[in-house]
PDB file of N, CA and C in Angstrom:
ATOM      1  N   MET A   1    -124.914-136.279 -32.279  1.00  0.00           N
ATOM      2  CA  MET A   1    -124.271-137.655 -32.589  1.00  0.00           C
ATOM      3  C   MET A   1    -122.965-137.059 -33.332  1.00  0.00           C
ATOM      4  N   LEU A   2    -123.267-135.898 -33.703  1.00  0.00           N
ATOM      5  CA  LEU A   2    -121.546-135.690 -34.766  1.00  0.00           C
ATOM      6  C   LEU A   2    -120.639-135.063 -33.489  1.00  0.00           C
ATOM      7  N   ALA A   3    -121.167-134.372 -32.658  1.00  0.00           N
ATOM      8  CA  ALA A   3    -120.050-133.789 -31.497  1.00  0.00           C
ATOM      9  C   ALA A   3    -119.503-134.893 -30.655  1.00  0.00           C
ATOM     10  N   MET A   4    -120.522-135.860 -30.450  1.00  0.00           N
ATOM     11  CA  MET A   4    -120.154-136.797 -29.495  1.00  0.00           C
ATOM     12  C   MET A   4    -118.738-137.951 -30.340  1.00  0.00           C
ATOM     13  N   ALA A   5    -118.946-137.756 -31.608  1.00  0.00           N
ATOM     14  CA  ALA A   5    -117.950-138.536 -32.657  1.00  0.00           C
ATOM     15  C   ALA A   5    -116.246-137.998 -32.372  1.00  0.00           C
ATOM     16  N   GLY A   6    -116.532-136.536 -32.465  1.00  0.00           N
ATOM     17  CA  GLY A   6    -115.628-135.720 -32.275  1.00  0.00           C
ATOM     18  C   GLY A   6    -114.846-135.707 -30.830  1.00  0.00           C
ATOM     19  N   SER A   7    -115.584-135.810 -30.118  1.00  0.00           N
ATOM     20  CA  SER A   7    -114.809-135.916 -28.354  1.00  0.00           C
ATOM     21  C   SER A   7    -114.183-137.378 -28.351  1.00  0.00           C
ATOM     22  N   ARG A   8    -115.026-138.340 -29.029  1.00  0.00           N
ATOM     23  CA  ARG A   8    -114.837-139.743 -28.737  1.00  0.00           C
ATOM     24  C   ARG A   8    -113.110-139.776 -29.655  1.00  0.00           C
ATOM     25  N   GLN A   9    -113.181-139.244 -30.849  1.00  0.00           N
ATOM     26  CA  GLN A   9    -112.053-138.853 -31.256  1.00  0.00           C
ATOM     27  C   GLN A   9    -110.781-138.417 -30.549  1.00  0.00           C
ATOM     28  N   SER A  10    -111.033-137.029 -29.709  1.00  0.00           N
ATOM     29  CA  SER A  10    -109.988-136.865 -29.065  1.00  0.00           C
ATOM     30  C   SER A  10    -109.792-137.665 -27.843  1.00  0.00           C
ATOM     31  N   LEU A  11    -110.391-138.173 -27.250  1.00  0.00           N
ATOM     32  CA  LEU A  11    -110.181-139.040 -26.297  1.00  0.00           C
ATOM     33  C   LEU A  11    -109.429-140.192 -26.819  1.00  0.00           C
ATOM     34  N   THR A  12    -109.539-140.897 -27.813  1.00  0.00           N
ATOM     35  CA  THR A  12    -108.794-141.411 -28.382  1.00  0.00           C
ATOM     36  C   THR A  12    -107.471-141.052 -28.824  1.00  0.00           C
ATOM     37  N   LYS A  13    -106.991-140.202 -29.770  1.00  0.00           N
ATOM     38  CA  LYS A  13    -105.854-139.248 -29.658  1.00  0.00           C
ATOM     39  C   LYS A  13    -105.237-139.319 -28.295  1.00  0.00           C
ATOM     40  N   GLY A  14    -106.165-139.255 -27.304  1.00  0.00           N
ATOM     41  CA  GLY A  14    -105.529-138.688 -25.851  1.00  0.00           C
ATOM     42  C   GLY A  14    -104.835-140.091 -25.416  1.00  0.00           C
ATOM     43  N   LEU A  15    -105.541-140.903 -25.585  1.00  0.00           N
ATOM     44  CA  LEU A  15    -104.994-142.429 -24.857  1.00  0.00           C
ATOM     45  C   LEU A  15    -104.107-142.715 -26.083  1.00  0.00           C
ATOM     46  N   GLU A  16    -103.570-142.264 -26.929  1.00  0.00           N
ATOM     47  CA  GLU A  16    -102.697-142.685 -27.492  1.00  0.00           C
ATOM     48  C   GLU A  16    -101.638-141.970 -27.768  1.00  0.00           C
ATOM     49  N   ARG A  17    -101.517-140.915 -27.149  1.00  0.00           N
ATOM     50  CA  ARG A  17    -100.488-140.293 -26.601  1.00  0.00           C
ATOM     51  C   ARG A  17    -100.028-140.822 -25.350  1.00  0.00           C
ATOM     52  N   LYS A  18    -100.955-140.997 -24.323  1.00  0.00           N
ATOM     53  CA  LYS A  18    -100.562-141.376 -23.135  1.00  0.00           C
ATOM     54  C   LYS A  18     -99.561-143.117 -23.573  1.00  0.00           C
ATOM     55  N   VAL A  19    -100.333-144.060 -24.294  1.00  0.00           N
ATOM     56  CA  VAL A  19     -99.582-144.938 -24.504  1.00  0.00           C
ATOM     57  C   VAL A  19     -98.308-144.746 -25.280  1.00  0.00           C
ATOM     58  N   LEU A  20     -98.442-143.880 -25.978  1.00  0.00           N
ATOM     59  CA  LEU A  20     -96.976-143.633 -26.714  1.00  0.00           C
ATOM     60  C   LEU A  20     -95.874-143.259 -25.217  1.00  0.00           C
ATOM     61  N   ALA A  21     -96.401-142.550 -24.405  1.00  0.00           N
ATOM     62  CA  ALA A  21     -95.425-141.877 -23.478  1.00  0.00           C
ATOM     63  C   ALA A  21     -95.019-142.971 -22.365  1.00  0.00           C
ATOM     64  N   ILE A  22     -95.953-144.105 -22.532  1.00  0.00           N
ATOM     65  CA  ILE A  22     -95.537-145.252 -21.381  1.00  0.00           C
ATOM     66  C   ILE A  22     -94.662-146.012 -22.244  1.00  0.00           C
ATOM     67  N   VAL A  23     -94.978-146.350 -23.312  1.00  0.00           N
ATOM     68  CA  VAL A  23     -93.828-147.086 -24.163  1.00  0.00           C
ATOM     69  C   VAL A  23     -92.806-146.368 -24.456  1.00  0.00           C
ATOM     70  N   ARG A  24     -92.343-145.239 -24.428  1.00  0.00           N
ATOM     71  CA  ARG A  24     -91.171-144.239 -24.177  1.00  0.00           C
ATOM     72  C   ARG A  24     -90.736-144.687 -22.762  1.00  0.00           C
ATOM     73  N   ARG A  25     -91.551-144.664 -22.108  1.00  0.00           N
ATOM     74  CA  ARG A  25     -90.837-144.744 -20.083  1.00  0.00           C
ATOM     75  C   ARG A  25     -90.388-146.220 -20.282  1.00  0.00           C
ATOM     76  N   TYR A  26     -91.129-147.459 -21.146  1.00  0.00           N
ATOM     77  CA  TYR A  26     -90.881-148.655 -20.929  1.00  0.00           C
ATOM     78  C   TYR A  26     -89.208-148.705 -21.686  1.00  0.00           C
ATOM     79  N   ILE A  27     -88.919-147.892 -22.895  1.00  0.00           N
ATOM     80  CA  ILE A  27     -87.825-147.872 -23.630  1.00  0.00           C
ATOM     81  C   ILE A  27     -86.533-147.554 -22.244  1.00  0.00           C
ATOM     82  N   ASN A  28     -86.883-146.347 -22.053  1.00  0.00           N
ATOM     83  CA  ASN A  28     -85.711-145.611 -21.242  1.00  0.00           C
ATOM     84  C   ASN A  28     -85.614-146.464 -19.896  1.00  0.00           C
ATOM     85  N   GLU A  29     -86.898-146.864 -19.106  1.00  0.00           N
ATOM     86  CA  GLU A  29     -86.226-148.170 -17.881  1.00  0.00           C
ATOM     87  C   GLU A  29     -85.879-149.061 -18.366  1.00  0.00           C
ATOM     88  N   HIS A  30     -85.976-149.542 -19.353  1.00  0.00           N
ATOM     89  CA  HIS A  30     -85.125-150.688 -19.762  1.00  0.00           C
ATOM     90  C   HIS A  30     -83.563-150.723 -20.492  1.00  0.00           C
ATOM     91  N   SER A  31     -83.075-149.196 -20.491  1.00  0.00           N
ATOM     92  CA  SER A  31     -82.095-149.008 -21.125  1.00  0.00           C
ATOM     93  C   SER A  31     -81.933-149.360 -22.707  1.00  0.00           C
ATOM     94  N   ILE A  32     -83.035-149.016 -23.153  1.00  0.00           N
ATOM     95  CA  ILE A  32     -82.917-149.460 -24.542  1.00  0.00           C
ATOM     96  C   ILE A  32     -82.707-148.427 -25.400  1.00  0.00           C
ATOM     97  N   THR A  33     -81.429-148.391 -26.093  1.00  0.00           N
ATOM     98  CA  THR A  33     -81.003-146.812 -26.659  1.00  0.00           C
ATOM     99  C   THR A  33     -80.803-147.288 -28.139  1.00  0.00           C
ATOM    100  N   GLU A  34     -80.873-146.236 -28.809  1.00  0.00           N
ATOM    101  CA  GLU A  34     -80.578-146.377 -30.266  1.00  0.00           C
ATOM    102  C   GLU A  34     -79.737-146.815 -30.678  1.00  0.00           C
ATOM    103  N   GLU A  35     -78.733-146.704 -29.976  1.00  0.00           N
ATOM    104  CA  GLU A  35     -77.349-147.505 -30.419  1.00  0.00           C
ATOM    105  C   GLU A  35     -77.840-148.904 -30.621  1.00  0.00           C
ATOM    106  N   ASP A  36     -78.147-149.369 -29.784  1.00  0.00           N
ATOM    107  CA  ASP A  36     -78.604-151.183 -29.680  1.00  0.00           C
ATOM    108  C   ASP A  36     -79.549-151.216 -30.685  1.00  0.00           C
ATOM    109  N   HIS A  37     -80.436-150.163 -30.961  1.00  0.00           N
ATOM    110  CA  HIS A  37     -81.563-150.474 -31.652  1.00  0.00           C
ATOM    111  C   HIS A  37     -82.318-151.590 -31.271  1.00  0.00           C
ATOM    112  N   ASP A  38     -82.588-152.074 -30.114  1.00  0.00           N
ATOM    113  CA  ASP A  38     -83.528-152.902 -29.408  1.00  0.00           C
ATOM    114  C   ASP A  38     -84.646-152.638 -29.617  1.00  0.00           C
ATOM    115  N   SER A  39     -85.215-151.117 -29.670  1.00  0.00           N
ATOM    116  CA  SER A  39     -86.359-150.582 -29.820  1.00  0.00           C
ATOM    117  C   SER A  39     -87.254-151.254 -31.090  1.00  0.00           C
ATOM    118  N   LEU A  40     -86.441-151.599 -32.139  1.00  0.00           N
ATOM    119  CA  LEU A  40     -87.036-152.276 -33.120  1.00  0.00           C
ATOM    120  C   LEU A  40     -87.322-153.618 -33.161  1.00  0.00           C
ATOM    121  N   HIS A  41     -86.706-154.145 -32.179  1.00  0.00           N
ATOM    122  CA  HIS A  41     -87.191-155.784 -32.165  1.00  0.00           C
ATOM    123  C   HIS A  41     -88.393-155.380 -30.820  1.00  0.00           C
ATOM    124  N   LEU A  42     -88.712-155.079 -30.280  1.00  0.00           N
ATOM    125  CA  LEU A  42     -89.785-154.672 -29.138  1.00  0.00           C
ATOM    126  C   LEU A  42     -90.839-155.688 -29.822  1.00  0.00           C
ATOM    127  N   SER A  43     -91.682-156.233 -28.945  1.00  0.00           N
ATOM    128  CA  SER A  43     -92.947-156.756 -29.570  1.00  0.00           C
ATOM    129  C   SER A  43     -94.080-156.391 -28.887  1.00  0.00           C
ATOM    130  N   VAL A  44     -94.887-156.266 -29.403  1.00  0.00           N
ATOM    131  CA  VAL A  44     -96.643-155.587 -28.616  1.00  0.00           C
ATOM    132  C   VAL A  44     -96.472-156.691 -27.491  1.00  0.00           C
ATOM    133  N   SER A  45     -96.336-157.621 -27.237  1.00  0.00           N
ATOM    134  CA  SER A  45     -96.691-158.487 -26.177  1.00  0.00           C
ATOM    135  C   SER A  45     -95.555-157.831 -24.877  1.00  0.00           C
ATOM    136  N   GLN A  46     -94.578-157.899 -25.291  1.00  0.00           N
ATOM    137  CA  GLN A  46     -93.402-157.234 -24.205  1.00  0.00           C
ATOM    138  C   GLN A  46     -93.917-156.226 -23.625  1.00  0.00           C
ATOM    139  N   VAL A  47     -94.328-155.183 -24.435  1.00  0.00           N
ATOM    140  CA  VAL A  47     -94.525-153.976 -23.839  1.00  0.00           C
ATOM    141  C   VAL A  47     -95.851-153.916 -23.447  1.00  0.00           C
ATOM    142  N   TYR A  48     -97.162-154.695 -24.099  1.00  0.00           N
ATOM    143  CA  TYR A  48     -98.474-154.650 -23.418  1.00  0.00           C
ATOM    144  C   TYR A  48     -98.221-155.212 -21.542  1.00  0.00           C
ATOM    145  N   LYS A  49     -97.441-155.869 -21.152  1.00  0.00           N
ATOM    146  CA  LYS A  49     -97.438-156.182 -20.153  1.00  0.00           C
ATOM    147  C   LYS A  49     -97.023-155.314 -19.116  1.00  0.00           C
ATOM    148  N   TYR A  50     -96.222-154.639 -19.668  1.00  0.00           N
ATOM    149  CA  TYR A  50     -95.473-152.950 -18.918  1.00  0.00           C
ATOM    150  C   TYR A  50     -96.883-152.046 -18.978  1.00  0.00           C
ATOM    151  N   VAL A  51     -97.598-151.652 -20.195  1.00  0.00           N
ATOM    152  CA  VAL A  51     -98.395-150.857 -20.118  1.00  0.00           C
ATOM    153  C   VAL A  51     -99.891-151.137 -19.279  1.00  0.00           C
ATOM    154  N   ILE A  52     -99.911-152.336 -19.304  1.00  0.00           N
ATOM    155  CA  ILE A  52    -101.387-152.641 -18.630  1.00  0.00           C
ATOM    156  C   ILE A  52    -101.386-152.352 -17.224  1.00  0.00           C
ATOM    157  N   LYS A  53    -100.015-152.198 -16.580  1.00  0.00           N
ATOM    158  CA  LYS A  53     -99.797-151.899 -15.332  1.00  0.00           C
ATOM    159  C   LYS A  53    -100.458-150.408 -14.654  1.00  0.00           C
ATOM    160  N   ASP A  54    -100.223-149.684 -15.459  1.00  0.00           N
ATOM    161  CA  ASP A  54    -100.949-148.296 -15.500  1.00  0.00           C
ATOM    162  C   ASP A  54    -102.378-148.714 -15.523  1.00  0.00           C
ATOM    163  N   ARG A  55    -103.136-148.337 -13.859  1.00  0.00           N
ATOM    164  CA  ARG A  55    -104.418-148.314 -14.003  1.00  0.00           C
ATOM    165  C   ARG A  55    -105.356-148.339 -15.056  1.00  0.00           C
ATOM    166  N   SER A  56    -105.185-147.185 -15.581  1.00  0.00           N
ATOM    167  CA  SER A  56    -106.259-146.347 -16.665  1.00  0.00           C
ATOM    168  C   SER A  56    -106.058-147.178 -18.032  1.00  0.00           C
ATOM    169  N   MET A  57    -105.195-147.611 -17.888  1.00  0.00           N
ATOM    170  CA  MET A  57    -104.715-148.740 -19.194  1.00  0.00           C
ATOM    171  C   MET A  57    -104.955-149.842 -19.270  1.00  0.00           C
ATOM    172  N   ALA A  58    -104.995-150.359 -17.717  1.00  0.00           N
ATOM    173  CA  ALA A  58    -105.525-151.973 -17.633  1.00  0.00           C
ATOM    174  C   ALA A  58    -107.017-151.957 -17.740  1.00  0.00           C
ATOM    175  N   ARG A  59    -107.756-151.169 -17.801  1.00  0.00           N
ATOM    176  CA  ARG A  59    -109.176-150.797 -18.085  1.00  0.00           C
ATOM    177  C   ARG A  59    -109.797-151.100 -19.629  1.00  0.00           C
ATOM    178  N   GLN A  60    -108.552-150.893 -20.641  1.00  0.00           N
ATOM    179  CA  GLN A  60    -109.069-150.439 -21.962  1.00  0.00           C
ATOM    180  C   GLN A  60    -109.108-152.098 -22.757  1.00  0.00           C
ATOM    181  N   ARG A  61    -109.720-152.182 -23.699  1.00  0.00           N
ATOM    182  CA  ARG A  61    -109.791-153.439 -24.299  1.00  0.00           C
ATOM    183  C   ARG A  61    -108.573-153.965 -24.793  1.00  0.00           C
ATOM    184  N   GLU A  62    -108.235-155.379 -24.690  1.00  0.00           N
ATOM    185  CA  GLU A  62    -106.983-155.667 -25.082  1.00  0.00           C
ATOM    186  C   GLU A  62    -106.444-155.344 -26.596  1.00  0.00           C
ATOM    187  N   ARG A  63    -107.590-155.468 -27.454  1.00  0.00           N
ATOM    188  CA  ARG A  63    -106.922-155.643 -28.979  1.00  0.00           C
ATOM    189  C   ARG A  63    -106.828-154.090 -29.164  1.00  0.00           C
ATOM    190  N   ASN A  64    -107.563-152.997 -28.778  1.00  0.00           N
ATOM    191  CA  ASN A  64    -107.574-151.703 -29.191  1.00  0.00           C
ATOM    192  C   ASN A  64    -106.230-151.026 -28.130  1.00  0.00           C
ATOM    193  N   LEU A  65    -105.677-151.687 -26.956  1.00  0.00           N
ATOM    194  CA  LEU A  65    -104.717-151.114 -26.378  1.00  0.00           C
ATOM    195  C   LEU A  65    -103.729-151.604 -27.267  1.00  0.00           C
ATOM    196  N   GLU A  66    -103.561-152.796 -27.987  1.00  0.00           N
ATOM    197  CA  GLU A  66    -102.517-153.470 -28.754  1.00  0.00           C
ATOM    198  C   GLU A  66    -101.889-152.653 -30.026  1.00  0.00           C
ATOM    199  N   LYS A  67    -103.294-152.076 -30.704  1.00  0.00           N
ATOM    200  CA  LYS A  67    -103.022-151.265 -31.782  1.00  0.00           C
ATOM    201  C   LYS A  67    -102.486-150.508 -31.565  1.00  0.00           C
ATOM    202  N   MET A  68    -102.718-150.017 -30.313  1.00  0.00           N
ATOM    203  CA  MET A  68    -102.465-148.084 -29.768  1.00  0.00           C
ATOM    204  C   MET A  68    -100.519-148.318 -29.607  1.00  0.00           C
ATOM    205  N   ILE A  69    -100.447-149.659 -29.249  1.00  0.00           N
ATOM    206  CA  ILE A  69     -99.000-150.058 -28.655  1.00  0.00           C
ATOM    207  C   ILE A  69     -98.456-150.208 -29.891  1.00  0.00           C
ATOM    208  N   GLU A  70     -98.976-150.692 -31.358  1.00  0.00           N
ATOM    209  CA  GLU A  70     -98.237-151.049 -32.324  1.00  0.00           C
ATOM    210  C   GLU A  70     -98.053-149.638 -33.153  1.00  0.00           C
ATOM    211  N   GLY A  71     -98.989-148.849 -32.502  1.00  0.00           N
ATOM    212  CA  GLY A  71     -98.885-147.457 -32.945  1.00  0.00           C
ATOM    213  C   GLY A  71     -97.821-146.656 -32.577  1.00  0.00           C
ATOM    214  N   ALA A  72     -97.756-146.839 -31.511  1.00  0.00           N
ATOM    215  CA  ALA A  72     -96.514-146.153 -30.625  1.00  0.00           C
ATOM    216  C   ALA A  72     -94.982-146.753 -30.833  1.00  0.00           C
ATOM    217  N   LEU A  73     -94.847-148.052 -31.504  1.00  0.00           N
ATOM    218  CA  LEU A  73     -93.676-148.639 -31.609  1.00  0.00           C
ATOM    219  C   LEU A  73     -93.468-148.128 -32.940  1.00  0.00           C
ATOM    220  N   ALA A  74     -94.253-148.111 -34.095  1.00  0.00           N
ATOM    221  CA  ALA A  74     -94.137-147.456 -35.355  1.00  0.00           C
ATOM    222  C   ALA A  74     -93.746-145.897 -35.020  1.00  0.00           C
ATOM    223  N   THR A  75     -94.220-145.194 -34.468  1.00  0.00           N
ATOM    224  CA  THR A  75     -93.619-143.602 -34.221  1.00  0.00           C
ATOM    225  C   THR A  75     -92.338-143.827 -33.528  1.00  0.00           C
ATOM    226  N   ILE A  76     -92.010-144.650 -32.878  1.00  0.00           N
ATOM    227  CA  ILE A  76     -90.478-144.669 -32.111  1.00  0.00           C
ATOM    228  C   ILE A  76     -89.957-144.722 -33.022  1.00  0.00           C
ATOM    229  N   ARG A  77     -89.899-145.767 -34.049  1.00  0.00           N
ATOM    230  CA  ARG A  77     -89.234-146.487 -35.181  1.00  0.00           C
ATOM    231  C   ARG A  77     -88.946-145.296 -36.250  1.00  0.00           C
ATOM    232  N   ASP A  78     -89.988-144.912 -36.561  1.00  0.00           N
ATOM    233  CA  ASP A  78     -89.941-143.412 -37.210  1.00  0.00           C
ATOM    234  C   ASP A  78     -89.247-142.364 -37.026  1.00  0.00           C
ATOM    235  N   GLU A  79     -89.504-142.276 -35.608  1.00  0.00           N
ATOM    236  CA  GLU A  79     -88.325-141.175 -35.227  1.00  0.00           C
ATOM    237  C   GLU A  79     -86.542-141.924 -35.165  1.00  0.00           C
ATOM    238  N   GLU A  80     -86.638-142.978 -34.807  1.00  0.00           N
ATOM    239  CA  GLU A  80     -85.054-143.268 -34.637  1.00  0.00           C
ATOM    240  C   GLU A  80     -84.621-143.229 -36.337  1.00  0.00           C
ATOM    241  N   ALA A  81     -85.469-143.630 -36.986  1.00  0.00           N
ATOM    242  CA  ALA A  81     -85.173-143.704 -38.455  1.00  0.00           C
ATOM    243  C   ALA A  81     -84.646-142.491 -39.121  1.00  0.00           C
ATOM    244  N   GLU A  82     -85.575-141.579 -38.279  1.00  0.00           N
ATOM    245  CA  GLU A  82     -85.271-140.132 -38.984  1.00  0.00           C
ATOM    246  C   GLU A  82     -83.931-139.339 -37.987  1.00  0.00           C
ATOM    247  N   ALA A  83     -83.878-139.668 -37.007  1.00  0.00           N
ATOM    248  CA  ALA A  83     -82.638-139.275 -36.407  1.00  0.00           C
ATOM    249  C   ALA A  83     -81.443-139.832 -36.819  1.00  0.00           C
ATOM    250  N   ASP A  84     -81.298-141.279 -37.311  1.00  0.00           N
ATOM    251  CA  ASP A  84     -80.383-141.995 -38.100  1.00  0.00           C
ATOM    252  C   ASP A  84     -79.976-141.090 -39.153  1.00  0.00           C
ATOM    253  N   SER A  85     -81.245-141.136 -40.243  1.00  0.00           N
ATOM    254  CA  SER A  85     -80.788-140.383 -41.226  1.00  0.00           C
ATOM    255  C   SER A  85     -80.160-138.839 -41.178  1.00  0.00           C
ATOM    256  N   LEU A  86     -80.654-137.859 -40.315  1.00  0.00           N
ATOM    257  CA  LEU A  86     -80.310-136.599 -40.016  1.00  0.00           C
ATOM    258  C   LEU A  86     -78.853-137.114 -39.554  1.00  0.00           C
ATOM    259  N   ALA A  87     -78.260-138.116 -38.603  1.00  0.00           N
ATOM    260  CA  ALA A  87     -76.971-137.999 -38.161  1.00  0.00           C
ATOM    261  C   ALA A  87     -76.044-138.291 -39.457  1.00  0.00           C
ATOM    262  N   ARG A  88     -76.403-139.484 -40.278  1.00  0.00           N
ATOM    263  CA  ARG A  88     -75.913-139.424 -41.344  1.00  0.00           C
ATOM    264  C   ARG A  88     -75.325-138.278 -42.149  1.00  0.00           C
ATOM    265  N   GLU A  89     -76.465-137.403 -42.500  1.00  0.00           N
ATOM    266  CA  GLU A  89     -76.205-136.316 -42.879  1.00  0.00           C
ATOM    267  C   GLU A  89     -75.638-135.114 -42.685  1.00  0.00           C
ATOM    268  N   LEU A  90     -75.132-135.377 -41.167  1.00  0.00           N
ATOM    269  CA  LEU A  90     -74.632-134.242 -40.351  1.00  0.00           C
ATOM    270  C   LEU A  90     -73.172-134.731 -40.827  1.00  0.00           C
ATOM    271  N   VAL A  91     -72.959-136.444 -40.566  1.00  0.00           N
ATOM    272  CA  VAL A  91     -71.599-136.898 -40.764  1.00  0.00           C
ATOM    273  C   VAL A  91     -70.995-136.536 -42.492  1.00  0.00           C
ATOM    274  N   GLU A  92     -71.806-136.439 -43.000  1.00  0.00           N
ATOM    275  CA  GLU A  92     -71.321-136.364 -44.439  1.00  0.00           C
ATOM    276  C   GLU A  92     -70.925-134.520 -44.623  1.00  0.00           C
ATOM    277  N   VAL A  93     -71.654-133.771 -44.238  1.00  0.00           N
ATOM    278  CA  VAL A  93     -71.561-132.559 -44.492  1.00  0.00           C
ATOM    279  C   VAL A  93     -69.864-132.369 -43.362  1.00  0.00           C
ATOM    280  N   GLU A  94     -69.909-132.608 -42.066  1.00  0.00           N
ATOM    281  CA  GLU A  94     -69.072-132.255 -41.599  1.00  0.00           C
ATOM    282  C   GLU A  94     -67.691-132.758 -41.886  1.00  0.00           C
ATOM    283  N   GLU A  95     -67.671-133.914 -42.600  1.00  0.00           N
ATOM    284  CA  GLU A  95     -66.368-135.127 -42.968  1.00  0.00           C
ATOM    285  C   GLU A  95     -65.913-134.048 -44.473  1.00  0.00           C
ATOM    286  N   PRO A  96     -64.634-133.834 -44.536  1.00  0.00           N
ATOM    287  CA  PRO A  96     -64.199-132.782 -45.528  1.00  0.00           C
ATOM    288  C   PRO A  96     -63.864-134.307 -46.619  1.00  0.00           C
ATOM    289  N   LYS A  97     -63.896-133.784 -47.860  1.00  0.00           N
ATOM    290  CA  LYS A  97     -64.070-134.667 -49.138  1.00  0.00           C
ATOM    291  C   LYS A  97     -62.558-134.936 -49.516  1.00  0.00           C
ATOM    292  N   GLU A  98     -62.240-135.830 -49.603  1.00  0.00           N
ATOM    293  CA  GLU A  98     -60.850-136.420 -50.335  1.00  0.00           C
ATOM    294  C   GLU A  98     -60.321-135.371 -51.073  1.00  0.00           C
ATOM    295  N   GLY A  99     -59.460-135.234 -50.893  1.00  0.00           N
ATOM    296  CA  GLY A  99     -58.369-133.881 -51.832  1.00  0.00           C
ATOM    297  C   GLY A  99     -58.699-132.534 -51.538  1.00  0.00           C
ATOM    298  N   SER A 100     -59.495-132.012 -50.693  1.00  0.00           N
ATOM    299  CA  SER A 100     -60.256-130.774 -50.714  1.00  0.00           C
ATOM    300  C   SER A 100     -59.270-130.283 -49.524  1.00  0.00           C
ATOM    301  N   MET A 101     -58.481-129.203 -49.424  1.00  0.00           N
ATOM    302  CA  MET A 101     -57.453-129.194 -48.427  1.00  0.00           C
ATOM    303  C   MET A 101     -57.787-127.583 -48.707  1.00  0.00           C
ATOM    304  N   THR A 102     -58.920-126.925 -48.683  1.00  0.00           N
ATOM    305  CA  THR A 102     -59.057-125.534 -48.746  1.00  0.00           C
ATOM    306  C   THR A 102     -58.907-125.096 -47.224  1.00  0.00           C
ATOM    307  N   GLU A 103     -58.375-123.440 -47.321  1.00  0.00           N
ATOM    308  CA  GLU A 103     -58.314-122.806 -46.185  1.00  0.00           C
ATOM    309  C   GLU A 103     -59.760-122.395 -45.713  1.00  0.00           C
ATOM    310  N   PRO A 104     -59.954-122.660 -44.428  1.00  0.00           N
ATOM    311  CA  PRO A 104     -61.342-122.349 -43.942  1.00  0.00           C
ATOM    312  C   PRO A 104     -61.771-120.755 -43.822  1.00  0.00           C
ATOM    313  N   LYS A 105     -62.939-120.156 -44.444  1.00  0.00           N
ATOM    314  CA  LYS A 105     -63.620-119.064 -44.651  1.00  0.00           C
ATOM    315  C   LYS A 105     -63.536-118.574 -43.189  1.00  0.00           C
ATOM    316  N   VAL A 106     -63.173-116.942 -43.050  1.00  0.00           N
ATOM    317  CA  VAL A 106     -63.276-116.541 -42.115  1.00  0.00           C
ATOM    318  C   VAL A 106     -64.610-115.860 -41.838  1.00  0.00           C
ATOM    319  N   LEU A 107     -65.406-116.237 -40.695  1.00  0.00           N
ATOM    320  CA  LEU A 107     -66.741-116.173 -40.562  1.00  0.00           C
ATOM    321  C   LEU A 107     -66.566-114.610 -39.403  1.00  0.00           C
ATOM    322  N   TYR A 108     -65.639-114.393 -38.971  1.00  0.00           N
ATOM    323  CA  TYR A 108     -65.780-113.297 -37.825  1.00  0.00           C
ATOM    324  C   TYR A 108     -64.890-112.223 -37.880  1.00  0.00           C
ATOM    325  N   ARG A 109     -64.738-111.188 -38.117  1.00  0.00           N
ATOM    326  CA  ARG A 109     -63.471-110.093 -38.212  1.00  0.00           C
ATOM    327  C   ARG A 109     -63.584-109.376 -36.972  1.00  0.00           C
ATOM    328  N   ASN A 110     -62.666-109.028 -36.348  1.00  0.00           N
ATOM    329  CA  ASN A 110     -62.520-108.336 -35.316  1.00  0.00           C
ATOM    330  C   ASN A 110     -62.300-107.137 -35.661  1.00  0.00           C
ATOM    331  N   SER A 111     -63.249-106.225 -34.839  1.00  0.00           N
ATOM    332  CA  SER A 111     -63.701-104.577 -35.547  1.00  0.00           C
ATOM    333  C   SER A 111     -62.364-103.833 -35.559  1.00  0.00           C
ATOM    334  N   ARG A 112     -61.517-104.162 -34.210  1.00  0.00           N
ATOM    335  CA  ARG A 112     -60.341-103.422 -34.228  1.00  0.00           C
ATOM    336  C   ARG A 112     -59.061-103.726 -35.074  1.00  0.00           C
ATOM    337  N   ASN A 113     -59.461-104.908 -36.014  1.00  0.00           N
ATOM    338  CA  ASN A 113     -58.345-105.246 -36.916  1.00  0.00           C
ATOM    339  C   ASN A 113     -58.697-104.559 -38.592  1.00  0.00           C
ATOM    340  N   ILE A 114     -59.895-104.095 -38.861  1.00  0.00           N
ATOM    341  CA  ILE A 114     -60.544-103.615 -39.844  1.00  0.00           C
ATOM    342  C   ILE A 114     -59.961-101.955 -40.124  1.00  0.00           C
TER     343      ILE A 114
END
């Protein structure tokens, strides 16, 4: 029985990855971009209708599939939040601080000029 539970869990993980891929495809096909942050406003029912068009997903129990879609949307939202955070950090690093007009450091020296 223990081996069966492990294989069932891997099947569930496989289905979750497939649902995540389908949700990402939905977002790409509907031109939902990170700039618009429309993916933050997607509902499970919107995505569910799209996901069940996949034959293998249509056979899944509705509640289980909805839970997987919720998880996929949460994953995508987390990824977008992380990307936004990284982008803000990059902007902070790249923007010079007010009043600091230092000369840039020479990172490369031509061997002929040494």
